[in-house]
Each structure stands twice: as structure tokens, then as C-alpha cells.
C-alpha atoms as a PDB file:
ATOM      1  CA  UNK A   1       0.000   0.000   0.000  1.00  0.00           C
ATOM      2  CA  UNK A   2       1.527   3.352  -0.996  1.00  0.00           C
ATOM      3  CA  UNK A   3       1.576   6.339   1.350  1.00  0.00           C
ATOM      4  CA  UNK A   4      -1.509   7.978  -0.147  1.00  0.00           C
ATOM      5  CA  UNK A   5      -3.565   4.824   0.248  1.00  0.00           C
ATOM      6  CA  UNK A   6      -2.295   4.605   3.821  1.00  0.00           C
ATOM      7  CA  UNK A   7      -3.450   8.174   4.431  1.00  0.00           C
ATOM      8  CA  UNK A   8      -6.935   7.359   3.144  1.00  0.00           C
ATOM      9  CA  UNK A   9      -7.093   4.163   5.211  1.00  0.00           C
ATOM     10  CA  UNK A  10      -5.839   5.753   8.423  1.00  0.00           C
ATOM     11  CA  UNK A  11      -7.968   8.870   8.250  1.00  0.00           C
ATOM     12  CA  UNK A  12     -10.999   7.073   6.897  1.00  0.00           C
ATOM     13  CA  UNK A  13     -10.977   4.822   9.949  1.00  0.00           C
ATOM     14  CA  UNK A  14     -10.325   7.660  12.400  1.00  0.00           C
ATOM     15  CA  UNK A  15     -12.174  10.602  10.839  1.00  0.00           C
ATOM     16  CA  UNK A  16     -14.466  11.240  13.806  1.00  0.00           C
ATOM     17  CA  UNK A  17     -11.474  11.249  16.184  1.00  0.00           C
ATOM     18  CA  UNK A  18      -9.968  14.183  14.320  1.00  0.00           C
ATOM     19  CA  UNK A  19     -13.142  16.264  14.386  1.00  0.00           C
ATOM     20  CA  UNK A  20     -13.356  15.779  18.161  1.00  0.00           C
ATOM     21  CA  UNK A  21      -9.608  16.096  18.838  1.00  0.00           C
ATOM     22  CA  UNK A  22      -8.871  19.090  21.115  1.00  0.00           C
ATOM     23  CA  UNK A  23      -5.434  19.261  19.497  1.00  0.00           C
ATOM     24  CA  UNK A  24      -7.044  20.020  16.129  1.00  0.00           C
ATOM     25  CA  UNK A  25     -10.218  21.826  17.223  1.00  0.00           C
ATOM     26  CA  UNK A  26      -8.470  24.517  19.241  1.00  0.00           C
ATOM     27  CA  UNK A  27      -5.113  26.121  19.768  1.00  0.00           C
ATOM     28  CA  UNK A  28      -3.267  29.382  19.484  1.00  0.00           C
ATOM     29  CA  UNK A  29      -2.468  28.648  15.848  1.00  0.00           C
ATOM     30  CA  UNK A  30      -6.154  29.109  14.954  1.00  0.00           C
ATOM     31  CA  UNK A  31      -6.015  32.555  16.559  1.00  0.00           C
ATOM     32  CA  UNK A  32      -2.918  33.353  14.503  1.00  0.00           C
ATOM     33  CA  UNK A  33      -4.676  32.056  11.382  1.00  0.00           C
ATOM     34  CA  UNK A  34      -7.640  34.368  11.976  1.00  0.00           C
ATOM     35  CA  UNK A  35      -5.295  37.281  12.646  1.00  0.00           C
ATOM     36  CA  UNK A  36      -3.410  36.659   9.396  1.00  0.00           C
ATOM     37  CA  UNK A  37      -6.516  36.093   7.264  1.00  0.00           C
ATOM     38  CA  UNK A  38      -8.689  39.063   8.246  1.00  0.00           C
ATOM     39  CA  UNK A  39      -6.544  41.799   6.627  1.00  0.00           C
ATOM     40  CA  UNK A  40      -6.458  39.852   3.360  1.00  0.00           C
ATOM     41  CA  UNK A  41     -10.122  40.549   2.558  1.00  0.00           C
ATOM     42  CA  UNK A  42     -10.022  37.424   0.405  1.00  0.00           C
ATOM     43  CA  UNK A  43     -13.018  36.487  -1.717  1.00  0.00           C
ATOM     44  CA  UNK A  44     -12.071  32.848  -2.338  1.00  0.00           C
ATOM     45  CA  UNK A  45      -9.984  30.637  -0.075  1.00  0.00           C
ATOM     46  CA  UNK A  46      -8.800  27.046  -0.410  1.00  0.00           C
ATOM     47  CA  UNK A  47      -8.238  24.805   2.617  1.00  0.00           C
ATOM     48  CA  UNK A  48      -5.960  21.943   1.542  1.00  0.00           C
ATOM     49  CA  UNK A  49      -6.355  18.663   3.475  1.00  0.00           C
ATOM     50  CA  UNK A  50      -9.149  20.097   5.584  1.00  0.00           C
ATOM     51  CA  UNK A  51      -9.342  17.112   7.931  1.00  0.00           C
ATOM     52  CA  UNK A  52     -12.030  17.836  10.511  1.00  0.00           C
ATOM     53  CA  UNK A  53     -12.777  21.257   9.026  1.00  0.00           C
ATOM     54  CA  UNK A  54     -11.322  23.379  11.831  1.00  0.00           C
ATOM     55  CA  UNK A  55      -9.172  25.484   9.501  1.00  0.00           C
ATOM     56  CA  UNK A  56     -12.149  25.951   7.174  1.00  0.00           C
ATOM     57  CA  UNK A  57     -14.226  27.140  10.126  1.00  0.00           C
ATOM     58  CA  UNK A  58     -11.667  29.840  10.902  1.00  0.00           C
ATOM     59  CA  UNK A  59     -11.520  30.867   7.234  1.00  0.00           C
ATOM     60  CA  UNK A  60     -15.290  30.899   6.698  1.00  0.00           C
ATOM     61  CA  UNK A  61     -15.875  33.905   8.932  1.00  0.00           C
ATOM     62  CA  UNK A  62     -13.249  36.002   7.142  1.00  0.00           C
ATOM     63  CA  UNK A  63     -13.740  35.227   3.434  1.00  0.00           C
ATOM     64  CA  UNK A  64     -16.694  35.081   1.052  1.00  0.00           C
ATOM     65  CA  UNK A  65     -16.229  31.490  -0.069  1.00  0.00           C
ATOM     66  CA  UNK A  66     -14.141  28.552   1.158  1.00  0.00           C
ATOM     67  CA  UNK A  67     -13.330  25.416  -0.817  1.00  0.00           C
ATOM     68  CA  UNK A  68     -12.204  22.497   1.321  1.00  0.00           C
ATOM     69  CA  UNK A  69     -10.159  19.726  -0.250  1.00  0.00           C
ATOM     70  CA  UNK A  70      -9.317  16.338   1.226  1.00  0.00           C
ATOM     71  CA  UNK A  71      -8.190  13.022  -0.219  1.00  0.00           C
ATOM     72  CA  UNK A  72     -10.331  11.015   2.208  1.00  0.00           C
ATOM     73  CA  UNK A  73     -14.108  10.987   1.577  1.00  0.00           C
ATOM     74  CA  UNK A  74     -14.871  10.068   5.194  1.00  0.00           C
ATOM     75  CA  UNK A  75     -13.014  13.157   6.378  1.00  0.00           C
ATOM     76  CA  UNK A  76     -14.931  15.372   3.974  1.00  0.00           C
ATOM     77  CA  UNK A  77     -18.223  13.981   5.265  1.00  0.00           C
ATOM     78  CA  UNK A  78     -17.191  14.563   8.865  1.00  0.00           C
ATOM     79  CA  UNK A  79     -16.003  18.097   8.050  1.00  0.00           C
ATOM     80  CA  UNK A  80     -19.260  18.898   6.262  1.00  0.00           C
ATOM     81  CA  UNK A  81     -21.331  17.649   9.209  1.00  0.00           C
ATOM     82  CA  UNK A  82     -19.154  19.588  11.657  1.00  0.00           C
ATOM     83  CA  UNK A  83     -19.413  22.848   9.714  1.00  0.00           C
ATOM     84  CA  UNK A  84     -23.139  22.431   9.049  1.00  0.00           C
ATOM     85  CA  UNK A  85     -23.707  22.019  12.792  1.00  0.00           C
ATOM     86  CA  UNK A  86     -21.897  25.350  13.244  1.00  0.00           C
ATOM     87  CA  UNK A  87     -24.259  27.004  10.744  1.00  0.00           C
ATOM     88  CA  UNK A  88     -21.521  27.523   8.141  1.00  0.00           C
ATOM     89  CA  UNK A  89     -22.981  27.757   4.632  1.00  0.00           C
ATOM     90  CA  UNK A  90     -20.216  29.334   2.513  1.00  0.00           C
ATOM     91  CA  UNK A  91     -18.079  26.187   2.147  1.00  0.00           C
ATOM     92  CA  UNK A  92     -17.718  23.771  -0.783  1.00  0.00           C
ATOM     93  CA  UNK A  93     -16.302  20.243  -0.480  1.00  0.00           C
ATOM     94  CA  UNK A  94     -13.974  18.641  -3.037  1.00  0.00           C
ATOM     95  CA  UNK A  95     -12.207  15.287  -2.893  1.00  0.00           C
ATOM     96  CA  UNK A  96      -8.701  15.607  -4.295  1.00  0.00           C
ATOM     97  CA  UNK A  97      -4.948  15.360  -3.922  1.00  0.00           C
ATOM     98  CA  UNK A  98      -2.851  18.193  -2.465  1.00  0.00           C
ATOM     99  CA  UNK A  99      -0.142  17.440  -5.025  1.00  0.00           C
ATOM    100  CA  UNK A 100      -2.533  17.518  -8.008  1.00  0.00           C
ATOM    101  CA  UNK A 101      -5.039  20.236  -7.217  1.00  0.00           C
ATOM    102  CA  UNK A 102      -8.167  19.997  -9.417  1.00  0.00           C
ATOM    103  CA  UNK A 103      -8.394  23.767  -9.935  1.00  0.00           C
ATOM    104  CA  UNK A 104      -7.325  26.200 -12.613  1.00  0.00           C
ATOM    105  CA  UNK A 105      -4.413  28.599 -12.362  1.00  0.00           C
ATOM    106  CA  UNK A 106      -4.928  31.650 -10.124  1.00  0.00           C
ATOM    107  CA  UNK A 107      -8.286  30.439  -8.767  1.00  0.00           C
ATOM    108  CA  UNK A 108      -7.907  31.578  -5.147  1.00  0.00           C
ATOM    109  CA  UNK A 109      -6.987  34.682  -3.183  1.00  0.00           C
ATOM    110  CA  UNK A 110      -5.794  32.610  -0.240  1.00  0.00           C
ATOM    111  CA  UNK A 111      -4.540  29.032   0.188  1.00  0.00           C
ATOM    112  CA  UNK A 112      -4.126  27.448   3.624  1.00  0.00           C
ATOM    113  CA  UNK A 113      -2.989  24.062   4.907  1.00  0.00           C
ATOM    114  CA  UNK A 114      -3.017  23.206   8.627  1.00  0.00           C
ATOM    115  CA  UNK A 115      -1.544  20.132  10.374  1.00  0.00           C
ATOM    116  CA  UNK A 116      -1.449  17.996   7.234  1.00  0.00           C
ATOM    117  CA  UNK A 117       1.673  18.539   5.135  1.00  0.00           C
ATOM    118  CA  UNK A 118       3.661  15.889   7.044  1.00  0.00           C
ATOM    119  CA  UNK A 119       1.513  13.330   5.190  1.00  0.00           C
ATOM    120  CA  UNK A 120       2.480  14.585   1.708  1.00  0.00           C
ATOM    121  CA  UNK A 121       5.140  12.469  -0.066  1.00  0.00           C
ATOM    122  CA  UNK A 122       6.079  15.287  -2.461  1.00  0.00           C
ATOM    123  CA  UNK A 123       6.051  18.560  -0.502  1.00  0.00           C
ATOM    124  CA  UNK A 124       7.788  20.447  -3.309  1.00  0.00           C
ATOM    125  CA  UNK A 125       4.933  19.542  -5.643  1.00  0.00           C
ATOM    126  CA  UNK A 126       2.387  20.533  -2.986  1.00  0.00           C
ATOM    127  CA  UNK A 127       3.867  24.031  -2.615  1.00  0.00           C
ATOM    128  CA  UNK A 128       4.156  24.395  -6.401  1.00  0.00           C
ATOM    129  CA  UNK A 129       0.495  23.448  -6.805  1.00  0.00           C
ATOM    130  CA  UNK A 130      -0.573  25.823  -4.040  1.00  0.00           C
ATOM    131  CA  UNK A 131       1.377  28.581  -5.773  1.00  0.00           C
ATOM    132  CA  UNK A 132      -0.162  27.727  -9.146  1.00  0.00           C
ATOM    133  CA  UNK A 133      -3.773  28.059  -7.964  1.00  0.00           C
ATOM    134  CA  UNK A 134      -3.012  31.226  -5.998  1.00  0.00           C
ATOM    135  CA  UNK A 135      -3.668  34.596  -7.612  1.00  0.00           C
ATOM    136  CA  UNK A 136      -0.805  37.044  -7.997  1.00  0.00           C
ATOM    137  CA  UNK A 137      -0.456  38.877  -4.712  1.00  0.00           C
ATOM    138  CA  UNK A 138      -2.379  36.118  -2.950  1.00  0.00           C
ATOM    139  CA  UNK A 139      -1.570  34.686   0.464  1.00  0.00           C
ATOM    140  CA  UNK A 140      -0.286  31.191   1.334  1.00  0.00           C
ATOM    141  CA  UNK A 141      -0.520  29.985   4.946  1.00  0.00           C
ATOM    142  CA  UNK A 142       1.121  26.763   6.111  1.00  0.00           C
ATOM    143  CA  UNK A 143       0.878  25.438   9.658  1.00  0.00           C
ATOM    144  CA  UNK A 144       2.382  22.094  10.599  1.00  0.00           C
ATOM    145  CA  UNK A 145       4.517  20.092  12.979  1.00  0.00           C
ATOM    146  CA  UNK A 146       8.188  20.497  12.140  1.00  0.00           C
ATOM    147  CA  UNK A 147      11.239  18.387  12.912  1.00  0.00           C
ATOM    148  CA  UNK A 148      14.188  19.628  14.966  1.00  0.00           C
ATOM    149  CA  UNK A 149      17.010  21.161  12.942  1.00  0.00           C
ATOM    150  CA  UNK A 150      19.393  18.553  14.402  1.00  0.00           C
ATOM    151  CA  UNK A 151      19.600  15.563  12.047  1.00  0.00           C
ATOM    152  CA  UNK A 152      19.768  13.153  14.980  1.00  0.00           C
ATOM    153  CA  UNK A 153      16.663  14.543  16.692  1.00  0.00           C
ATOM    154  CA  UNK A 154      14.917  14.824  13.328  1.00  0.00           C
ATOM    155  CA  UNK A 155      15.427  11.099  12.681  1.00  0.00           C
ATOM    156  CA  UNK A 156      14.232   9.998  16.129  1.00  0.00           C
ATOM    157  CA  UNK A 157      11.188  12.272  16.109  1.00  0.00           C
ATOM    158  CA  UNK A 158      10.082  11.184  12.633  1.00  0.00           C
ATOM    159  CA  UNK A 159      10.638   7.523  13.495  1.00  0.00           C
ATOM    160  CA  UNK A 160       8.310   7.850  16.495  1.00  0.00           C
ATOM    161  CA  UNK A 161       5.681   9.626  14.394  1.00  0.00           C
ATOM    162  CA  UNK A 162       5.853   6.995  11.648  1.00  0.00           C
ATOM    163  CA  UNK A 163       5.483   4.103  14.072  1.00  0.00           C
ATOM    164  CA  UNK A 164       2.497   5.750  15.704  1.00  0.00           C
ATOM    165  CA  UNK A 165       0.922   6.613  12.328  1.00  0.00           C
ATOM    166  CA  UNK A 166       1.989   4.706   9.177  1.00  0.00           C
ATOM    167  CA  UNK A 167       0.464   7.468   7.029  1.00  0.00           C
ATOM    168  CA  UNK A 168       3.003   9.960   8.414  1.00  0.00           C
ATOM    169  CA  UNK A 169       5.498  10.647   5.630  1.00  0.00           C
ATOM    170  CA  UNK A 170       7.849  13.198   7.174  1.00  0.00           C
ATOM    171  CA  UNK A 171       7.805  16.278   9.361  1.00  0.00           C
ATOM    172  CA  UNK A 172      10.235  18.647   7.681  1.00  0.00           C
ATOM    173  CA  UNK A 173      12.514  21.192   9.304  1.00  0.00           C
ATOM    174  CA  UNK A 174      11.435  24.826   9.378  1.00  0.00           C
ATOM    175  CA  UNK A 175      14.463  25.725   7.253  1.00  0.00           C
ATOM    176  CA  UNK A 176      13.389  23.192   4.612  1.00  0.00           C
ATOM    177  CA  UNK A 177       9.874  24.661   4.423  1.00  0.00           C
ATOM    178  CA  UNK A 178      11.211  28.192   4.058  1.00  0.00           C
ATOM    179  CA  UNK A 179      13.539  27.108   1.258  1.00  0.00           C
ATOM    180  CA  UNK A 180      10.899  25.261  -0.778  1.00  0.00           C
ATOM    181  CA  UNK A 181       8.388  28.070  -0.263  1.00  0.00           C
ATOM    182  CA  UNK A 182      10.801  30.661  -1.628  1.00  0.00           C
ATOM    183  CA  UNK A 183      11.851  28.405  -4.527  1.00  0.00           C
ATOM    184  CA  UNK A 184       8.192  28.192  -5.561  1.00  0.00           C
ATOM    185  CA  UNK A 185       7.989  31.945  -6.098  1.00  0.00           C
ATOM    186  CA  UNK A 186       6.506  32.916  -2.751  1.00  0.00           C
ATOM    187  CA  UNK A 187       7.912  35.558  -0.409  1.00  0.00           C
ATOM    188  CA  UNK A 188       7.786  34.654   3.284  1.00  0.00           C
ATOM    189  CA  UNK A 189       6.229  37.489   5.302  1.00  0.00           C
ATOM    190  CA  UNK A 190       5.580  35.881   8.679  1.00  0.00           C
ATOM    191  CA  UNK A 191       7.287  32.948  10.368  1.00  0.00           C
ATOM    192  CA  UNK A 192       6.659  31.664  13.869  1.00  0.00           C
ATOM    193  CA  UNK A 193       7.721  28.509  15.667  1.00  0.00           C
ATOM    194  CA  UNK A 194       6.308  27.375  18.990  1.00  0.00           C
ATOM    195  CA  UNK A 195       6.703  24.386  21.291  1.00  0.00           C
ATOM    196  CA  UNK A 196       3.996  21.730  20.975  1.00  0.00           C
ATOM    197  CA  UNK A 197       3.405  19.319  23.847  1.00  0.00           C
ATOM    198  CA  UNK A 198       2.208  15.799  23.051  1.00  0.00           C
ATOM    199  CA  UNK A 199       0.459  13.619  25.637  1.00  0.00           C
ATOM    200  CA  UNK A 200       1.536  10.087  24.790  1.00  0.00           C
ATOM    201  CA  UNK A 201      -1.658   8.086  25.375  1.00  0.00           C
ATOM    202  CA  UNK A 202      -4.090  10.501  23.616  1.00  0.00           C
ATOM    203  CA  UNK A 203      -1.527  10.915  20.823  1.00  0.00           C
ATOM    204  CA  UNK A 204      -1.584   7.145  20.244  1.00  0.00           C
ATOM    205  CA  UNK A 205      -5.329   6.765  20.803  1.00  0.00           C
ATOM    206  CA  UNK A 206      -6.130   9.261  18.048  1.00  0.00           C
ATOM    207  CA  UNK A 207      -4.738   6.772  15.509  1.00  0.00           C
ATOM    208  CA  UNK A 208      -5.953   3.641  17.333  1.00  0.00           C
ATOM    209  CA  UNK A 209      -2.407   2.390  17.855  1.00  0.00           C
ATOM    210  CA  UNK A 210      -2.487  -1.237  19.001  1.00  0.00           C
ATOM    211  CA  UNK A 211      -1.402  -2.025  22.540  1.00  0.00           C
ATOM    212  CA  UNK A 212       1.745  -3.995  21.525  1.00  0.00           C
ATOM    213  CA  UNK A 213       2.929  -1.224  19.189  1.00  0.00           C
ATOM    214  CA  UNK A 214       2.105   1.411  21.794  1.00  0.00           C
ATOM    215  CA  UNK A 215       4.074  -0.312  24.561  1.00  0.00           C
ATOM    216  CA  UNK A 216       7.105  -0.946  22.315  1.00  0.00           C
ATOM    217  CA  UNK A 217       7.103   2.668  21.150  1.00  0.00           C
ATOM    218  CA  UNK A 218       6.859   3.829  24.754  1.00  0.00           C
ATOM    219  CA  UNK A 219       9.800   1.636  25.768  1.00  0.00           C
ATOM    220  CA  UNK A 220      11.926   2.843  22.863  1.00  0.00           C
ATOM    221  CA  UNK A 221      11.213   6.515  23.556  1.00  0.00           C
ATOM    222  CA  UNK A 222      11.986   6.054  27.245  1.00  0.00           C
ATOM    223  CA  UNK A 223      15.228   4.419  26.103  1.00  0.00           C
ATOM    224  CA  UNK A 224      16.368   7.434  24.104  1.00  0.00           C
ATOM    225  CA  UNK A 225      19.742   8.839  25.245  1.00  0.00           C
ATOM    226  CA  UNK A 226      19.445  11.307  28.116  1.00  0.00           C
ATOM    227  CA  UNK A 227      20.492  14.229  25.902  1.00  0.00           C
ATOM    228  CA  UNK A 228      17.709  13.417  23.423  1.00  0.00           C
ATOM    229  CA  UNK A 229      15.158  13.031  26.219  1.00  0.00           C
ATOM    230  CA  UNK A 230      16.164  16.414  27.573  1.00  0.00           C
ATOM    231  CA  UNK A 231      15.975  18.180  24.215  1.00  0.00           C
ATOM    232  CA  UNK A 232      12.602  16.642  23.338  1.00  0.00           C
ATOM    233  CA  UNK A 233      11.424  17.194  26.914  1.00  0.00           C
ATOM    234  CA  UNK A 234      10.348  13.603  27.485  1.00  0.00           C
ATOM    235  CA  UNK A 235       8.154  13.385  30.604  1.00  0.00           C
ATOM    236  CA  UNK A 236       8.154  10.179  32.616  1.00  0.00           C
ATOM    237  CA  UNK A 237       6.168   9.306  35.737  1.00  0.00           C
ATOM    238  CA  UNK A 238       6.474   6.027  37.626  1.00  0.00           C
ATOM    239  CA  UNK A 239       8.259   4.410  34.711  1.00  0.00           C
ATOM    240  CA  UNK A 240       5.598   5.402  32.180  1.00  0.00           C
ATOM    241  CA  UNK A 241       5.886   7.863  29.304  1.00  0.00           C
ATOM    242  CA  UNK A 242       3.557  10.801  29.920  1.00  0.00           C
ATOM    243  CA  UNK A 243       4.505  12.966  26.963  1.00  0.00           C
ATOM    244  CA  UNK A 244       7.149  14.809  24.995  1.00  0.00           C
ATOM    245  CA  UNK A 245       7.560  18.082  23.155  1.00  0.00           C
ATOM    246  CA  UNK A 246       7.793  18.829  19.452  1.00  0.00           C
ATOM    247  CA  UNK A 247       7.676  22.045  17.442  1.00  0.00           C
ATOM    248  CA  UNK A 248       4.979  23.732  15.394  1.00  0.00           C
ATOM    249  CA  UNK A 249       5.571  26.180  12.538  1.00  0.00           C
ATOM    250  CA  UNK A 250       3.276  28.915  11.249  1.00  0.00           C
ATOM    251  CA  UNK A 251       4.282  30.437   7.906  1.00  0.00           C
ATOM    252  CA  UNK A 252       2.619  33.162   5.847  1.00  0.00           C
ATOM    253  CA  UNK A 253       3.886  33.923   2.341  1.00  0.00           C
ATOM    254  CA  UNK A 254       2.885  36.052  -0.636  1.00  0.00           C
ATOM    255  CA  UNK A 255       2.831  35.186  -4.340  1.00  0.00           C
ATOM    256  CA  UNK A 256       4.965  37.794  -6.057  1.00  0.00           C
END
């Protein structure tokens, strides 16, 4: 099964978990998103890999029309039900691939993607496609988990993510996202990086990780070298892994 089929299988089976997930439904990044979007006065926005629809909800109050795109039909159905329950009526739903957007050139004033790009096997293509469908002068917003700049920590963090979720392709470094964004013809205007705490058991439960895999992953993370545990802020209580800390990037760029 290739990575895209794994994404559809994983998220299809766990769609409702993502709508209800506090990690996805709330957070300071949604406040930043609203702050960045309001001055744009965008008529048409695209939410790539909408997931539970939380990004679309934030966009819907600030733009005339939102198009949500997701590869997984179950996620689109959950997002539509979630947004309908909120009384949101200015959203359209399209099944499609972030790396092959089914839209014409310069179709949108704003393109956003939140907590999804680590599932994309070809991130360069994703940014190129986002740039293609964005109007000249339009705004691109990317928010996602990012790997540490240290190659060693990067490898350990991504290994843990992949074992917890087989549809995880790679969390990239902030520096890598900035580079590919600029190479695609976008100018970075805002860039923020914040700490992101993960609680181990809810983190695993969201993807229905089996008990044997969960316990082996816990043991391996607790067995990381002390320096790694310190840098990733691994929290242990009574011999059990409580959580650890990653990083989250918020990037706003302009098509020039």
C-alpha cells in the first residue's frame, strides 16, 4: 500500500477522532490564522487537506467562499457535518490530492494548509500546486509540525511519528519549508515557531495504535539517550511515558 492509500485508510478509519480532537479543534495557531486572514479581505480561499474542518471554520468567517479539499471521503463527510452544525454555509467540499489540485491557475486569493503537510510524499509539488492556484499577490498559509534542525533529533522524532501513524510521511525542518516556499515563487512574510506538547496516550489513541505497538514505542522513547530526552522534553512518571515536546511552525507567504 503506498503512502496515499495509507493516508486514506488511516484517516478514513479515524475521521471522527480528528473532528473531536482538542489538538485540532483549538489552539493558538487558529487565533494566529484568523489574525493573518482578516486583513487579506479574500473572496475565495482554499483549505488543503481540511481534515475535521477546523481550519475551514476559521476561514469561513473572514472570506466570502471557502473550498475544502481532502483526499479522504470520510473526512470530507465529517467536516461537512461539523461545519453544518456550526451554521456555516459558505463552504464547498472537493475530494482531491494536495499534489494535483483539481483547480485552474490563479483560482484563489488565499490558500491554507493546517496540520497535514507531514503526510504529503512530495512537498515540493504541494507548494508548487498551491502557488499555481493562488492569484498574484495572494496569500499562502502553512501550519504544521516540524522536525528539529538537528539531524539526529529529526530522525528519532520522525521515526516515532511513523510508528504511531503509518500514514506519516515526514515532518520537515522549518528551514526546509522556508527554502521550498521561496523556490516556488513565494515571499515569506511571517514565520513563527512554537513548542507543541504531546500527551503520549491521547496521541496514540487518536490513531488507534495497538497495545503492543504502543508499549514498544513507549519503551523505545523512554530508552532514548538522556540528551535526546532532555531536548525533546520527554516526561516520565512512575516508569511510564507521559509525553514529549515537538515544534509547530506557522508560515505566511505572498505570491509575487
